[in-house]
């Protein structure tokens, strides 16, 4: 997966938006947007977004499977939970 390739200020972004979008869409660049010297956002391609969301979903599924495998079947009622938290 790519890393951020460049940064641009919000002021520069106003005048170069079309160029920035093109670089992200067609060049696969990840362009950081800074505001007051701090990174505020990153422009990425839809392809990168889909890859990141796919990776996130795979992690969620793996964590669900791990939790399901570790489930011992014991359940606690809401009243029992409240009582234990009150202690």
Protein backbone atom coordinates (compact mmCIF):
# COMPACT_ATOMS: atom_id res chain seq x y z
CA UNK A 1 0.00 0.00 0.00
CA UNK A 2 1.25 3.47 -0.82
CA UNK A 3 2.28 6.06 1.73
CA UNK A 4 1.44 9.74 1.53
CA UNK A 5 3.32 11.14 -1.46
CA UNK A 6 3.01 14.89 -0.86
CA UNK A 7 1.34 17.60 1.16
CA UNK A 8 -0.49 20.76 0.19
CA UNK A 9 -2.01 23.53 2.28
CA UNK A 10 -5.72 24.25 2.27
CA UNK A 11 -4.94 27.58 0.61
CA UNK A 12 -3.08 25.82 -2.24
CA UNK A 13 -5.85 23.24 -2.48
CA UNK A 14 -8.39 25.92 -3.37
CA UNK A 15 -6.52 26.77 -6.55
CA UNK A 16 -5.22 23.28 -7.37
CA UNK A 17 -8.19 21.04 -6.53
CA UNK A 18 -8.56 19.62 -10.04
CA UNK A 19 -4.85 18.76 -10.17
CA UNK A 20 -4.93 17.16 -6.71
CA UNK A 21 -7.96 15.05 -7.61
CA UNK A 22 -6.35 13.94 -10.85
CA UNK A 23 -3.14 12.95 -9.09
CA UNK A 24 -5.13 10.89 -6.59
CA UNK A 25 -7.51 9.36 -9.15
CA UNK A 26 -5.11 8.56 -11.96
CA UNK A 27 -1.70 8.63 -10.34
CA UNK A 28 -2.66 6.75 -7.19
CA UNK A 29 -1.07 9.46 -5.05
CA UNK A 30 -2.06 10.10 -1.46
CA UNK A 31 -1.96 13.82 -0.89
CA UNK A 32 -1.98 15.27 2.60
CA UNK A 33 -3.91 18.47 3.20
CA UNK A 34 -2.46 20.68 5.92
CA UNK A 35 -4.15 23.41 7.88
CA UNK A 36 -2.14 25.71 10.10
CA UNK A 37 0.86 23.46 9.54
CA UNK A 38 -0.88 20.30 10.76
CA UNK A 39 -2.12 17.41 8.68
CA UNK A 40 -5.91 17.76 8.48
CA UNK A 41 -6.96 15.27 5.79
CA UNK A 42 -5.67 13.04 3.03
CA UNK A 43 -7.01 12.80 -0.52
CA UNK A 44 -6.89 9.22 -1.80
CA UNK A 45 -8.34 7.40 -4.78
CA UNK A 46 -11.56 5.43 -4.62
CA UNK A 47 -9.45 2.31 -5.28
CA UNK A 48 -7.37 3.02 -2.16
CA UNK A 49 -10.53 3.64 -0.14
CA UNK A 50 -12.01 0.33 -1.26
CA UNK A 51 -8.78 -1.49 -0.35
CA UNK A 52 -8.72 0.14 3.09
CA UNK A 53 -12.37 -0.72 3.71
CA UNK A 54 -11.77 -4.30 2.57
CA UNK A 55 -8.84 -4.57 4.96
CA UNK A 56 -10.96 -3.15 7.79
CA UNK A 57 -13.76 -5.62 7.03
CA UNK A 58 -11.31 -8.54 7.01
CA UNK A 59 -10.03 -7.46 10.43
CA UNK A 60 -13.60 -7.19 11.76
CA UNK A 61 -14.44 -10.68 10.48
CA UNK A 62 -11.26 -12.13 12.01
CA UNK A 63 -12.00 -10.49 15.37
CA UNK A 64 -15.59 -11.78 15.25
CA UNK A 65 -14.38 -15.33 14.56
CA UNK A 66 -11.84 -15.11 17.40
CA UNK A 67 -14.51 -13.82 19.80
CA UNK A 68 -16.95 -16.52 18.74
CA UNK A 69 -14.31 -19.23 19.19
CA UNK A 70 -13.47 -17.90 22.67
CA UNK A 71 -17.13 -17.66 23.74
CA UNK A 72 -17.70 -19.99 26.69
CA UNK A 73 -21.48 -19.64 26.51
CA UNK A 74 -21.77 -17.99 29.93
CA UNK A 75 -24.13 -15.03 29.94
CA UNK A 76 -24.66 -12.25 32.48
CA UNK A 77 -27.98 -10.52 32.95
CA UNK A 78 -28.24 -6.76 32.90
CA UNK A 79 -29.06 -6.75 36.61
CA UNK A 80 -25.96 -8.83 37.38
CA UNK A 81 -23.81 -6.48 35.30
CA UNK A 82 -25.20 -3.43 37.09
CA UNK A 83 -24.59 -5.05 40.48
CA UNK A 84 -21.00 -5.90 39.62
CA UNK A 85 -20.36 -2.36 38.37
CA UNK A 86 -21.85 -0.87 41.54
CA UNK A 87 -19.35 -2.74 43.72
